[in-house]
Amino acid sequence: MMTIRDATPADFDAIVRLNLESEHFMSRMTRQWLDELAAQCAYLRVADVDGDVAAFLIGFAPESVYSSENFRWFRERYRSFLYIDRIAVDSRHRGLGLGRRLYEDFFAFARDRG
């Protein structure tokens, strides 16, 4: 069974592992860096498949204190936005629509924020 839920610190090692698996697409992440991101982000949710973290998505709001150059580009140009920093799906769970489900959940989150 698959569910989308808020990430907890108990998920963070799995999130770092998933990030490492896809690091050639995005920047490196350590556990310490994820702890900092989690404190700053507006959205950090996982796709849980039978108790395993199979995917994650991290997003930021304009008021977030985040040093990403890409995030700063949006903040300099827009007052209202949500920025997706990264998404990753475990290679063992690809093809199940987990990324699509996380994007849909994020878009619902954005609509709820107006």
PDB file of N, CA and C in Angstrom:
ATOM      1  N   MET A   1       0.844  -1.184   0.000  1.00  0.00           N
ATOM      2  CA  MET A   1       0.000   0.000   0.000  1.00  0.00           C
ATOM      3  C   MET A   1       0.886   1.243   0.000  1.00  0.00           C
ATOM      4  N   MET A   2       0.481   2.256  -0.750  1.00  0.00           N
ATOM      5  CA  MET A   2       1.251   3.493  -0.860  1.00  0.00           C
ATOM      6  C   MET A   2       0.472   4.636  -0.231  1.00  0.00           C
ATOM      7  N   THR A   3       1.186   5.444   0.566  1.00  0.00           N
ATOM      8  CA  THR A   3       0.596   6.648   1.145  1.00  0.00           C
ATOM      9  C   THR A   3       1.580   7.799   0.977  1.00  0.00           C
ATOM     10  N   ILE A   4       1.038   8.998   0.860  1.00  0.00           N
ATOM     11  CA  ILE A   4       1.831  10.225   0.892  1.00  0.00           C
ATOM     12  C   ILE A   4       1.641  10.793   2.285  1.00  0.00           C
ATOM     13  N   ARG A   5       2.746  11.093   2.962  1.00  0.00           N
ATOM     14  CA  ARG A   5       2.659  11.602   4.335  1.00  0.00           C
ATOM     15  C   ARG A   5       3.815  12.555   4.610  1.00  0.00           C
ATOM     16  N   ASP A   6       3.649  13.341   5.677  1.00  0.00           N
ATOM     17  CA  ASP A   6       4.736  14.215   6.117  1.00  0.00           C
ATOM     18  C   ASP A   6       5.937  13.371   6.517  1.00  0.00           C
ATOM     19  N   ALA A   7       7.109  13.835   6.156  1.00  0.00           N
ATOM     20  CA  ALA A   7       8.345  13.163   6.577  1.00  0.00           C
ATOM     21  C   ALA A   7       8.589  13.452   8.050  1.00  0.00           C
ATOM     22  N   THR A   8       9.198  12.496   8.724  1.00  0.00           N
ATOM     23  CA  THR A   8       9.603  12.663  10.112  1.00  0.00           C
ATOM     24  C   THR A   8      11.112  12.452  10.182  1.00  0.00           C
ATOM     25  N   PRO A   9      11.745  12.872  11.269  1.00  0.00           N
ATOM     26  CA  PRO A   9      13.190  12.619  11.390  1.00  0.00           C
ATOM     27  C   PRO A   9      13.561  11.142  11.240  1.00  0.00           C
ATOM     28  N   ALA A  10      12.659  10.243  11.559  1.00  0.00           N
ATOM     29  CA  ALA A  10      12.932   8.812  11.379  1.00  0.00           C
ATOM     30  C   ALA A  10      13.099   8.445   9.901  1.00  0.00           C
ATOM     31  N   ASP A  11      12.581   9.288   9.002  1.00  0.00           N
ATOM     32  CA  ASP A  11      12.695   9.060   7.558  1.00  0.00           C
ATOM     33  C   ASP A  11      13.961   9.645   6.952  1.00  0.00           C
ATOM     34  N   PHE A  12      14.667  10.470   7.699  1.00  0.00           N
ATOM     35  CA  PHE A  12      15.738  11.278   7.115  1.00  0.00           C
ATOM     36  C   PHE A  12      16.887  10.450   6.547  1.00  0.00           C
ATOM     37  N   ASP A  13      17.266   9.350   7.184  1.00  0.00           N
ATOM     38  CA  ASP A  13      18.340   8.527   6.620  1.00  0.00           C
ATOM     39  C   ASP A  13      17.933   7.950   5.268  1.00  0.00           C
ATOM     40  N   ALA A  14      16.680   7.534   5.145  1.00  0.00           N
ATOM     41  CA  ALA A  14      16.184   7.013   3.865  1.00  0.00           C
ATOM     42  C   ALA A  14      16.151   8.111   2.814  1.00  0.00           C
ATOM     43  N   ILE A  15      15.774   9.319   3.200  1.00  0.00           N
ATOM     44  CA  ILE A  15      15.745  10.441   2.258  1.00  0.00           C
ATOM     45  C   ILE A  15      17.154  10.744   1.755  1.00  0.00           C
ATOM     46  N   VAL A  16      18.125  10.769   2.659  1.00  0.00           N
ATOM     47  CA  VAL A  16      19.519  11.008   2.255  1.00  0.00           C
ATOM     48  C   VAL A  16      19.986   9.915   1.297  1.00  0.00           C
ATOM     49  N   ARG A  17      19.605   8.664   1.578  1.00  0.00           N
ATOM     50  CA  ARG A  17      19.976   7.553   0.696  1.00  0.00           C
ATOM     51  C   ARG A  17      19.356   7.727  -0.692  1.00  0.00           C
ATOM     52  N   LEU A  18      18.080   8.108  -0.756  1.00  0.00           N
ATOM     53  CA  LEU A  18      17.422   8.328  -2.040  1.00  0.00           C
ATOM     54  C   LEU A  18      18.071   9.488  -2.798  1.00  0.00           C
ATOM     55  N   ASN A  19      18.432  10.525  -2.074  1.00  0.00           N
ATOM     56  CA  ASN A  19      19.111  11.655  -2.713  1.00  0.00           C
ATOM     57  C   ASN A  19      20.441  11.201  -3.309  1.00  0.00           C
ATOM     58  N   LEU A  20      21.187  10.397  -2.563  1.00  0.00           N
ATOM     59  CA  LEU A  20      22.476   9.894  -3.048  1.00  0.00           C
ATOM     60  C   LEU A  20      22.296   9.072  -4.323  1.00  0.00           C
ATOM     61  N   GLU A  21      21.247   8.271  -4.367  1.00  0.00           N
ATOM     62  CA  GLU A  21      20.972   7.446  -5.541  1.00  0.00           C
ATOM     63  C   GLU A  21      20.744   8.307  -6.785  1.00  0.00           C
ATOM     64  N   SER A  22      20.203   9.512  -6.608  1.00  0.00           N
ATOM     65  CA  SER A  22      19.906  10.413  -7.726  1.00  0.00           C
ATOM     66  C   SER A  22      20.797  11.650  -7.734  1.00  0.00           C
ATOM     67  N   GLU A  23      21.918  11.576  -7.040  1.00  0.00           N
ATOM     68  CA  GLU A  23      22.776  12.752  -6.886  1.00  0.00           C
ATOM     69  C   GLU A  23      23.285  13.308  -8.211  1.00  0.00           C
ATOM     70  N   HIS A  24      23.394  12.483  -9.233  1.00  0.00           N
ATOM     71  CA  HIS A  24      23.860  12.978 -10.529  1.00  0.00           C
ATOM     72  C   HIS A  24      22.849  13.936 -11.169  1.00  0.00           C
ATOM     73  N   PHE A  25      21.609  14.005 -10.627  1.00  0.00           N
ATOM     74  CA  PHE A  25      20.602  14.941 -11.108  1.00  0.00           C
ATOM     75  C   PHE A  25      20.460  16.177 -10.224  1.00  0.00           C
ATOM     76  N   MET A  26      20.923  16.092  -8.995  1.00  0.00           N
ATOM     77  CA  MET A  26      20.727  17.184  -8.043  1.00  0.00           C
ATOM     78  C   MET A  26      21.928  17.284  -7.111  1.00  0.00           C
ATOM     79  N   SER A  27      21.917  18.260  -6.262  1.00  0.00           N
ATOM     80  CA  SER A  27      23.073  18.485  -5.398  1.00  0.00           C
ATOM     81  C   SER A  27      23.141  17.457  -4.271  1.00  0.00           C
ATOM     82  N   ARG A  28      24.324  17.360  -3.707  1.00  0.00           N
ATOM     83  CA  ARG A  28      24.599  16.429  -2.605  1.00  0.00           C
ATOM     84  C   ARG A  28      23.804  16.828  -1.368  1.00  0.00           C
ATOM     85  N   MET A  29      23.442  15.833  -0.569  1.00  0.00           N
ATOM     86  CA  MET A  29      22.733  16.090   0.676  1.00  0.00           C
ATOM     87  C   MET A  29      23.303  15.175   1.761  1.00  0.00           C
ATOM     88  N   THR A  30      23.665  15.769   2.877  1.00  0.00           N
ATOM     89  CA  THR A  30      24.061  15.000   4.052  1.00  0.00           C
ATOM     90  C   THR A  30      22.904  15.012   5.045  1.00  0.00           C
ATOM     91  N   ARG A  31      23.006  14.214   6.066  1.00  0.00           N
ATOM     92  CA  ARG A  31      21.961  14.205   7.102  1.00  0.00           C
ATOM     93  C   ARG A  31      21.888  15.575   7.778  1.00  0.00           C
ATOM     94  N   GLN A  32      23.038  16.172   8.051  1.00  0.00           N
ATOM     95  CA  GLN A  32      23.046  17.501   8.677  1.00  0.00           C
ATOM     96  C   GLN A  32      22.380  18.530   7.767  1.00  0.00           C
ATOM     97  N   TRP A  33      22.661  18.471   6.462  1.00  0.00           N
ATOM     98  CA  TRP A  33      22.062  19.421   5.516  1.00  0.00           C
ATOM     99  C   TRP A  33      20.546  19.194   5.451  1.00  0.00           C
ATOM    100  N   LEU A  34      20.105  17.936   5.476  1.00  0.00           N
ATOM    101  CA  LEU A  34      18.669  17.658   5.471  1.00  0.00           C
ATOM    102  C   LEU A  34      18.008  18.194   6.739  1.00  0.00           C
ATOM    103  N   ASP A  35      18.657  18.066   7.877  1.00  0.00           N
ATOM    104  CA  ASP A  35      18.113  18.642   9.111  1.00  0.00           C
ATOM    105  C   ASP A  35      17.886  20.140   8.944  1.00  0.00           C
ATOM    106  N   GLU A  36      18.839  20.829   8.314  1.00  0.00           N
ATOM    107  CA  GLU A  36      18.704  22.270   8.075  1.00  0.00           C
ATOM    108  C   GLU A  36      17.591  22.565   7.071  1.00  0.00           C
ATOM    109  N   LEU A  37      17.533  21.795   5.992  1.00  0.00           N
ATOM    110  CA  LEU A  37      16.475  21.990   4.998  1.00  0.00           C
ATOM    111  C   LEU A  37      15.103  21.770   5.613  1.00  0.00           C
ATOM    112  N   ALA A  38      14.976  20.737   6.417  1.00  0.00           N
ATOM    113  CA  ALA A  38      13.689  20.420   7.036  1.00  0.00           C
ATOM    114  C   ALA A  38      13.204  21.558   7.937  1.00  0.00           C
ATOM    115  N   ALA A  39      14.121  22.240   8.577  1.00  0.00           N
ATOM    116  CA  ALA A  39      13.753  23.360   9.446  1.00  0.00           C
ATOM    117  C   ALA A  39      13.321  24.588   8.636  1.00  0.00           C
ATOM    118  N   GLN A  40      13.735  24.671   7.375  1.00  0.00           N
ATOM    119  CA  GLN A  40      13.463  25.842   6.536  1.00  0.00           C
ATOM    120  C   GLN A  40      12.326  25.645   5.540  1.00  0.00           C
ATOM    121  N   CYS A  41      12.054  24.415   5.155  1.00  0.00           N
ATOM    122  CA  CYS A  41      11.138  24.177   4.043  1.00  0.00           C
ATOM    123  C   CYS A  41       9.676  24.315   4.454  1.00  0.00           C
ATOM    124  N   ALA A  42       8.841  24.506   3.454  1.00  0.00           N
ATOM    125  CA  ALA A  42       7.401  24.579   3.660  1.00  0.00           C
ATOM    126  C   ALA A  42       6.753  23.217   3.457  1.00  0.00           C
ATOM    127  N   TYR A  43       7.443  22.323   2.752  1.00  0.00           N
ATOM    128  CA  TYR A  43       6.870  21.035   2.364  1.00  0.00           C
ATOM    129  C   TYR A  43       7.981  20.000   2.355  1.00  0.00           C
ATOM    130  N   LEU A  44       7.796  18.928   3.097  1.00  0.00           N
ATOM    131  CA  LEU A  44       8.711  17.784   3.064  1.00  0.00           C
ATOM    132  C   LEU A  44       7.862  16.546   3.317  1.00  0.00           C
ATOM    133  N   ARG A  45       7.540  15.872   2.225  1.00  0.00           N
ATOM    134  CA  ARG A  45       6.671  14.708   2.318  1.00  0.00           C
ATOM    135  C   ARG A  45       7.321  13.532   1.611  1.00  0.00           C
ATOM    136  N   VAL A  46       6.885  12.346   1.995  1.00  0.00           N
ATOM    137  CA  VAL A  46       7.409  11.121   1.404  1.00  0.00           C
ATOM    138  C   VAL A  46       6.264  10.275   0.861  1.00  0.00           C
ATOM    139  N   ALA A  47       6.619   9.443  -0.125  1.00  0.00           N
ATOM    140  CA  ALA A  47       5.730   8.371  -0.562  1.00  0.00           C
ATOM    141  C   ALA A  47       6.202   7.128   0.173  1.00  0.00           C
ATOM    142  N   ASP A  48       5.330   6.567   0.953  1.00  0.00           N
ATOM    143  CA  ASP A  48       5.627   5.396   1.775  1.00  0.00           C
ATOM    144  C   ASP A  48       4.980   4.186   1.106  1.00  0.00           C
ATOM    145  N   VAL A  49       5.779   3.179   0.790  1.00  0.00           N
ATOM    146  CA  VAL A  49       5.265   1.951   0.193  1.00  0.00           C
ATOM    147  C   VAL A  49       5.516   0.819   1.181  1.00  0.00           C
ATOM    148  N   ASP A  50       4.447   0.341   1.753  1.00  0.00           N
ATOM    149  CA  ASP A  50       4.522  -0.765   2.718  1.00  0.00           C
ATOM    150  C   ASP A  50       5.544  -0.517   3.822  1.00  0.00           C
ATOM    151  N   GLY A  51       5.573   0.710   4.322  1.00  0.00           N
ATOM    152  CA  GLY A  51       6.459   1.060   5.429  1.00  0.00           C
ATOM    153  C   GLY A  51       7.845   1.520   5.028  1.00  0.00           C
ATOM    154  N   ASP A  52       8.149   1.524   3.733  1.00  0.00           N
ATOM    155  CA  ASP A  52       9.456   1.994   3.251  1.00  0.00           C
ATOM    156  C   ASP A  52       9.319   3.348   2.574  1.00  0.00           C
ATOM    157  N   VAL A  53      10.251   4.249   2.841  1.00  0.00           N
ATOM    158  CA  VAL A  53      10.283   5.537   2.150  1.00  0.00           C
ATOM    159  C   VAL A  53      10.766   5.266   0.728  1.00  0.00           C
ATOM    160  N   ALA A  54       9.860   5.443  -0.235  1.00  0.00           N
ATOM    161  CA  ALA A  54      10.148   5.119  -1.626  1.00  0.00           C
ATOM    162  C   ALA A  54      10.388   6.354  -2.482  1.00  0.00           C
ATOM    163  N   ALA A  55      10.023   7.546  -1.980  1.00  0.00           N
ATOM    164  CA  ALA A  55      10.219   8.794  -2.722  1.00  0.00           C
ATOM    165  C   ALA A  55      10.049   9.951  -1.755  1.00  0.00           C
ATOM    166  N   PHE A  56      10.573  11.107  -2.137  1.00  0.00           N
ATOM    167  CA  PHE A  56      10.392  12.309  -1.322  1.00  0.00           C
ATOM    168  C   PHE A  56      10.378  13.539  -2.212  1.00  0.00           C
ATOM    169  N   LEU A  57       9.807  14.622  -1.686  1.00  0.00           N
ATOM    170  CA  LEU A  57       9.799  15.918  -2.357  1.00  0.00           C
ATOM    171  C   LEU A  57       9.988  16.985  -1.290  1.00  0.00           C
ATOM    172  N   ILE A  58      10.859  17.948  -1.582  1.00  0.00           N
ATOM    173  CA  ILE A  58      11.102  19.087  -0.684  1.00  0.00           C
ATOM    174  C   ILE A  58      10.755  20.365  -1.435  1.00  0.00           C
ATOM    175  N   GLY A  59       9.964  21.235  -0.796  1.00  0.00           N
ATOM    176  CA  GLY A  59       9.582  22.505  -1.400  1.00  0.00           C
ATOM    177  C   GLY A  59       9.704  23.652  -0.410  1.00  0.00           C
ATOM    178  N   PHE A  60       9.921  24.838  -0.956  1.00  0.00           N
ATOM    179  CA  PHE A  60      10.127  26.039  -0.144  1.00  0.00           C
ATOM    180  C   PHE A  60       9.153  27.143  -0.534  1.00  0.00           C
ATOM    181  N   ALA A  61       8.788  27.967   0.441  1.00  0.00           N
ATOM    182  CA  ALA A  61       7.941  29.137   0.252  1.00  0.00           C
ATOM    183  C   ALA A  61       8.819  30.381   0.233  1.00  0.00           C
ATOM    184  N   PRO A  62       8.306  31.510  -0.262  1.00  0.00           N
ATOM    185  CA  PRO A  62       9.125  32.724  -0.377  1.00  0.00           C
ATOM    186  C   PRO A  62       9.759  33.179   0.943  1.00  0.00           C
ATOM    187  N   GLU A  63       9.082  32.922   2.049  1.00  0.00           N
ATOM    188  CA  GLU A  63       9.616  33.365   3.345  1.00  0.00           C
ATOM    189  C   GLU A  63      10.698  32.445   3.889  1.00  0.00           C
ATOM    190  N   SER A  64      10.949  31.336   3.218  1.00  0.00           N
ATOM    191  CA  SER A  64      11.993  30.417   3.670  1.00  0.00           C
ATOM    192  C   SER A  64      13.360  31.081   3.608  1.00  0.00           C
ATOM    193  N   VAL A  65      14.207  30.720   4.544  1.00  0.00           N
ATOM    194  CA  VAL A  65      15.594  31.194   4.545  1.00  0.00           C
ATOM    195  C   VAL A  65      16.406  30.074   3.912  1.00  0.00           C
ATOM    196  N   TYR A  66      16.633  30.199   2.619  1.00  0.00           N
ATOM    197  CA  TYR A  66      17.288  29.145   1.867  1.00  0.00           C
ATOM    198  C   TYR A  66      18.290  29.784   0.925  1.00  0.00           C
ATOM    199  N   SER A  67      19.478  29.212   0.823  1.00  0.00           N
ATOM    200  CA  SER A  67      20.570  29.861   0.100  1.00  0.00           C
ATOM    201  C   SER A  67      20.711  29.420  -1.353  1.00  0.00           C
ATOM    202  N   SER A  68      19.839  28.552  -1.829  1.00  0.00           N
ATOM    203  CA  SER A  68      19.938  28.077  -3.203  1.00  0.00           C
ATOM    204  C   SER A  68      19.857  29.235  -4.195  1.00  0.00           C
ATOM    205  N   GLU A  69      20.777  29.244  -5.143  1.00  0.00           N
ATOM    206  CA  GLU A  69      20.778  30.288  -6.172  1.00  0.00           C
ATOM    207  C   GLU A  69      19.479  30.248  -6.978  1.00  0.00           C
ATOM    208  N   ASN A  70      19.008  29.065  -7.304  1.00  0.00           N
ATOM    209  CA  ASN A  70      17.766  28.943  -8.070  1.00  0.00           C
ATOM    210  C   ASN A  70      16.575  29.464  -7.265  1.00  0.00           C
ATOM    211  N   PHE A  71      16.518  29.142  -5.979  1.00  0.00           N
ATOM    212  CA  PHE A  71      15.443  29.641  -5.121  1.00  0.00           C
ATOM    213  C   PHE A  71      15.495  31.167  -5.049  1.00  0.00           C
ATOM    214  N   ARG A  72      16.688  31.720  -4.884  1.00  0.00           N
ATOM    215  CA  ARG A  72      16.823  33.178  -4.800  1.00  0.00           C
ATOM    216  C   ARG A  72      16.338  33.841  -6.084  1.00  0.00           C
ATOM    217  N   TRP A  73      16.557  33.215  -7.236  1.00  0.00           N
ATOM    218  CA  TRP A  73      16.085  33.763  -8.508  1.00  0.00           C
ATOM    219  C   TRP A  73      14.571  33.950  -8.448  1.00  0.00           C
ATOM    220  N   PHE A  74      13.845  32.959  -7.962  1.00  0.00           N
ATOM    221  CA  PHE A  74      12.386  33.069  -7.848  1.00  0.00           C
ATOM    222  C   PHE A  74      11.992  34.135  -6.834  1.00  0.00           C
ATOM    223  N   ARG A  75      12.668  34.159  -5.696  1.00  0.00           N
ATOM    224  CA  ARG A  75      12.316  35.135  -4.657  1.00  0.00           C
ATOM    225  C   ARG A  75      12.530  36.567  -5.124  1.00  0.00           C
ATOM    226  N   GLU A  76      13.540  36.810  -5.963  1.00  0.00           N
ATOM    227  CA  GLU A  76      13.803  38.152  -6.486  1.00  0.00           C
ATOM    228  C   GLU A  76      12.755  38.588  -7.507  1.00  0.00           C
ATOM    229  N   ARG A  77      12.032  37.647  -8.098  1.00  0.00           N
ATOM    230  CA  ARG A  77      11.112  37.974  -9.182  1.00  0.00           C
ATOM    231  C   ARG A  77       9.634  37.823  -8.833  1.00  0.00           C
ATOM    232  N   TYR A  78       9.324  37.034  -7.801  1.00  0.00           N
ATOM    233  CA  TYR A  78       7.927  36.733  -7.488  1.00  0.00           C
ATOM    234  C   TYR A  78       7.667  36.890  -5.991  1.00  0.00           C
ATOM    235  N   ARG A  79       6.492  37.462  -5.677  1.00  0.00           N
ATOM    236  CA  ARG A  79       6.121  37.578  -4.268  1.00  0.00           C
ATOM    237  C   ARG A  79       5.487  36.282  -3.762  1.00  0.00           C
ATOM    238  N   SER A  80       4.762  35.606  -4.628  1.00  0.00           N
ATOM    239  CA  SER A  80       4.033  34.414  -4.220  1.00  0.00           C
ATOM    240  C   SER A  80       4.423  33.245  -5.131  1.00  0.00           C
ATOM    241  N   PHE A  81       4.992  32.215  -4.539  1.00  0.00           N
ATOM    242  CA  PHE A  81       5.382  31.024  -5.290  1.00  0.00           C
ATOM    243  C   PHE A  81       5.716  29.917  -4.305  1.00  0.00           C
ATOM    244  N   LEU A  82       5.785  28.726  -4.806  1.00  0.00           N
ATOM    245  CA  LEU A  82       6.347  27.600  -4.068  1.00  0.00           C
ATOM    246  C   LEU A  82       7.393  26.978  -4.975  1.00  0.00           C
ATOM    247  N   TYR A  83       8.525  26.696  -4.402  1.00  0.00           N
ATOM    248  CA  TYR A  83       9.693  26.227  -5.158  1.00  0.00           C
ATOM    249  C   TYR A  83       9.984  24.769  -4.814  1.00  0.00           C
ATOM    250  N   ILE A  84      10.007  23.920  -5.824  1.00  0.00           N
ATOM    251  CA  ILE A  84      10.395  22.526  -5.617  1.00  0.00           C
ATOM    252  C   ILE A  84      11.909  22.453  -5.715  1.00  0.00           C
ATOM    253  N   ASP A  85      12.532  22.075  -4.619  1.00  0.00           N
ATOM    254  CA  ASP A  85      13.985  21.985  -4.593  1.00  0.00           C
ATOM    255  C   ASP A  85      14.469  20.658  -5.151  1.00  0.00           C
ATOM    256  N   ARG A  86      13.818  19.579  -4.753  1.00  0.00           N
ATOM    257  CA  ARG A  86      14.246  18.263  -5.238  1.00  0.00           C
ATOM    258  C   ARG A  86      13.165  17.223  -4.991  1.00  0.00           C
ATOM    259  N   ILE A  87      13.187  16.228  -5.873  1.00  0.00           N
ATOM    260  CA  ILE A  87      12.315  15.068  -5.765  1.00  0.00           C
ATOM    261  C   ILE A  87      13.139  13.865  -6.193  1.00  0.00           C
ATOM    262  N   ALA A  88      12.953  12.755  -5.515  1.00  0.00           N
ATOM    263  CA  ALA A  88      13.668  11.531  -5.879  1.00  0.00           C
ATOM    264  C   ALA A  88      12.768  10.336  -5.607  1.00  0.00           C
ATOM    265  N   VAL A  89      12.891   9.336  -6.484  1.00  0.00           N
ATOM    266  CA  VAL A  89      12.141   8.088  -6.347  1.00  0.00           C
ATOM    267  C   VAL A  89      13.142   6.941  -6.325  1.00  0.00           C
ATOM    268  N   ASP A  90      12.978   6.062  -5.364  1.00  0.00           N
ATOM    269  CA  ASP A  90      13.823   4.878  -5.247  1.00  0.00           C
ATOM    270  C   ASP A  90      13.752   4.075  -6.542  1.00  0.00           C
ATOM    271  N   SER A  91      14.892   3.649  -7.053  1.00  0.00           N
ATOM    272  CA  SER A  91      14.926   2.907  -8.318  1.00  0.00           C
ATOM    273  C   SER A  91      14.077   1.631  -8.260  1.00  0.00           C
ATOM    274  N   ARG A  92      13.932   1.051  -7.081  1.00  0.00           N
ATOM    275  CA  ARG A  92      13.115  -0.163  -6.937  1.00  0.00           C
ATOM    276  C   ARG A  92      11.625   0.112  -7.060  1.00  0.00           C
ATOM    277  N   HIS A  93      11.236   1.381  -6.982  1.00  0.00           N
ATOM    278  CA  HIS A  93       9.817   1.737  -7.002  1.00  0.00           C
ATOM    279  C   HIS A  93       9.455   2.624  -8.186  1.00  0.00           C
ATOM    280  N   ARG A  94      10.334   2.759  -9.144  1.00  0.00           N
ATOM    281  CA  ARG A  94      10.025   3.595 -10.313  1.00  0.00           C
ATOM    282  C   ARG A  94       8.970   2.903 -11.172  1.00  0.00           C
ATOM    283  N   GLY A  95       8.189   3.735 -11.847  1.00  0.00           N
ATOM    284  CA  GLY A  95       7.134   3.212 -12.696  1.00  0.00           C
ATOM    285  C   GLY A  95       5.811   3.013 -11.981  1.00  0.00           C
ATOM    286  N   LEU A  96       5.754   3.334 -10.700  1.00  0.00           N
ATOM    287  CA  LEU A  96       4.522   3.177  -9.916  1.00  0.00           C
ATOM    288  C   LEU A  96       3.728   4.475  -9.801  1.00  0.00           C
ATOM    289  N   GLY A  97       4.243   5.557 -10.387  1.00  0.00           N
ATOM    290  CA  GLY A  97       3.549   6.839 -10.314  1.00  0.00           C
ATOM    291  C   GLY A  97       3.794   7.601  -9.025  1.00  0.00           C
ATOM    292  N   LEU A  98       4.846   7.250  -8.279  1.00  0.00           N
ATOM    293  CA  LEU A  98       5.098   7.919  -6.998  1.00  0.00           C
ATOM    294  C   LEU A  98       5.477   9.384  -7.193  1.00  0.00           C
ATOM    295  N   GLY A  99       6.305   9.666  -8.178  1.00  0.00           N
ATOM    296  CA  GLY A  99       6.667  11.053  -8.453  1.00  0.00           C
ATOM    297  C   GLY A  99       5.442  11.871  -8.822  1.00  0.00           C
ATOM    298  N   ARG A 100       4.601  11.329  -9.684  1.00  0.00           N
ATOM    299  CA  ARG A 100       3.373  12.014 -10.080  1.00  0.00           C
ATOM    300  C   ARG A 100       2.489  12.271  -8.867  1.00  0.00           C
ATOM    301  N   ARG A 101       2.364  11.281  -7.991  1.00  0.00           N
ATOM    302  CA  ARG A 101       1.530  11.448  -6.792  1.00  0.00           C
ATOM    303  C   ARG A 101       2.093  12.530  -5.872  1.00  0.00           C
ATOM    304  N   LEU A 102       3.424  12.589  -5.731  1.00  0.00           N
ATOM    305  CA  LEU A 102       4.019  13.648  -4.911  1.00  0.00           C
ATOM    306  C   LEU A 102       3.794  15.017  -5.538  1.00  0.00           C
ATOM    307  N   TYR A 103       3.948  15.134  -6.864  1.00  0.00           N
ATOM    308  CA  TYR A 103       3.673  16.414  -7.530  1.00  0.00           C
ATOM    309  C   TYR A 103       2.214  16.812  -7.336  1.00  0.00           C
ATOM    310  N   GLU A 104       1.292  15.890  -7.496  1.00  0.00           N
ATOM    311  CA  GLU A 104      -0.125  16.205  -7.297  1.00  0.00           C
ATOM    312  C   GLU A 104      -0.382  16.681  -5.872  1.00  0.00           C
ATOM    313  N   ASP A 105       0.243  16.028  -4.901  1.00  0.00           N
ATOM    314  CA  ASP A 105       0.082  16.429  -3.502  1.00  0.00           C
ATOM    315  C   ASP A 105       0.664  17.824  -3.277  1.00  0.00           C
ATOM    316  N   PHE A 106       1.814  18.089  -3.889  1.00  0.00           N
ATOM    317  CA  PHE A 106       2.438  19.407  -3.758  1.00  0.00           C
ATOM    318  C   PHE A 106       1.559  20.484  -4.389  1.00  0.00           C
ATOM    319  N   PHE A 107       0.979  20.190  -5.556  1.00  0.00           N
ATOM    320  CA  PHE A 107       0.105  21.169  -6.207  1.00  0.00           C
ATOM    321  C   PHE A 107      -1.138  21.427  -5.354  1.00  0.00           C
ATOM    322  N   ALA A 108      -1.676  20.402  -4.701  1.00  0.00           N
ATOM    323  CA  ALA A 108      -2.810  20.595  -3.785  1.00  0.00           C
ATOM    324  C   ALA A 108      -2.393  21.465  -2.602  1.00  0.00           C
ATOM    325  N   PHE A 109      -1.194  21.234  -2.086  1.00  0.00           N
ATOM    326  CA  PHE A 109      -0.641  22.054  -1.008  1.00  0.00           C
ATOM    327  C   PHE A 109      -0.550  23.519  -1.465  1.00  0.00           C
ATOM    328  N   ALA A 110      -0.081  23.726  -2.688  1.00  0.00           N
ATOM    329  CA  ALA A 110       0.047  25.086  -3.227  1.00  0.00           C
ATOM    330  C   ALA A 110      -1.330  25.742  -3.360  1.00  0.00           C
ATOM    331  N   ARG A 111      -2.305  25.012  -3.869  1.00  0.00           N
ATOM    332  CA  ARG A 111      -3.660  25.562  -4.004  1.00  0.00           C
ATOM    333  C   ARG A 111      -4.211  25.944  -2.629  1.00  0.00           C
ATOM    334  N   ASP A 112      -3.990  25.105  -1.628  1.00  0.00           N
ATOM    335  CA  ASP A 112      -4.478  25.400  -0.273  1.00  0.00           C
ATOM    336  C   ASP A 112      -3.848  26.670   0.296  1.00  0.00           C
ATOM    337  N   ARG A 113      -2.618  26.951  -0.108  1.00  0.00           N
ATOM    338  CA  ARG A 113      -1.929  28.167   0.345  1.00  0.00           C
ATOM    339  C   ARG A 113      -2.353  29.400  -0.440  1.00  0.00           C
ATOM    340  N   GLY A 114      -3.063  29.179  -1.530  1.00  0.00           N
ATOM    341  CA  GLY A 114      -3.550  30.300  -2.351  1.00  0.00           C
ATOM    342  C   GLY A 114      -2.534  30.748  -3.358  1.00  0.00           C
TER     343      GLY A 114
END
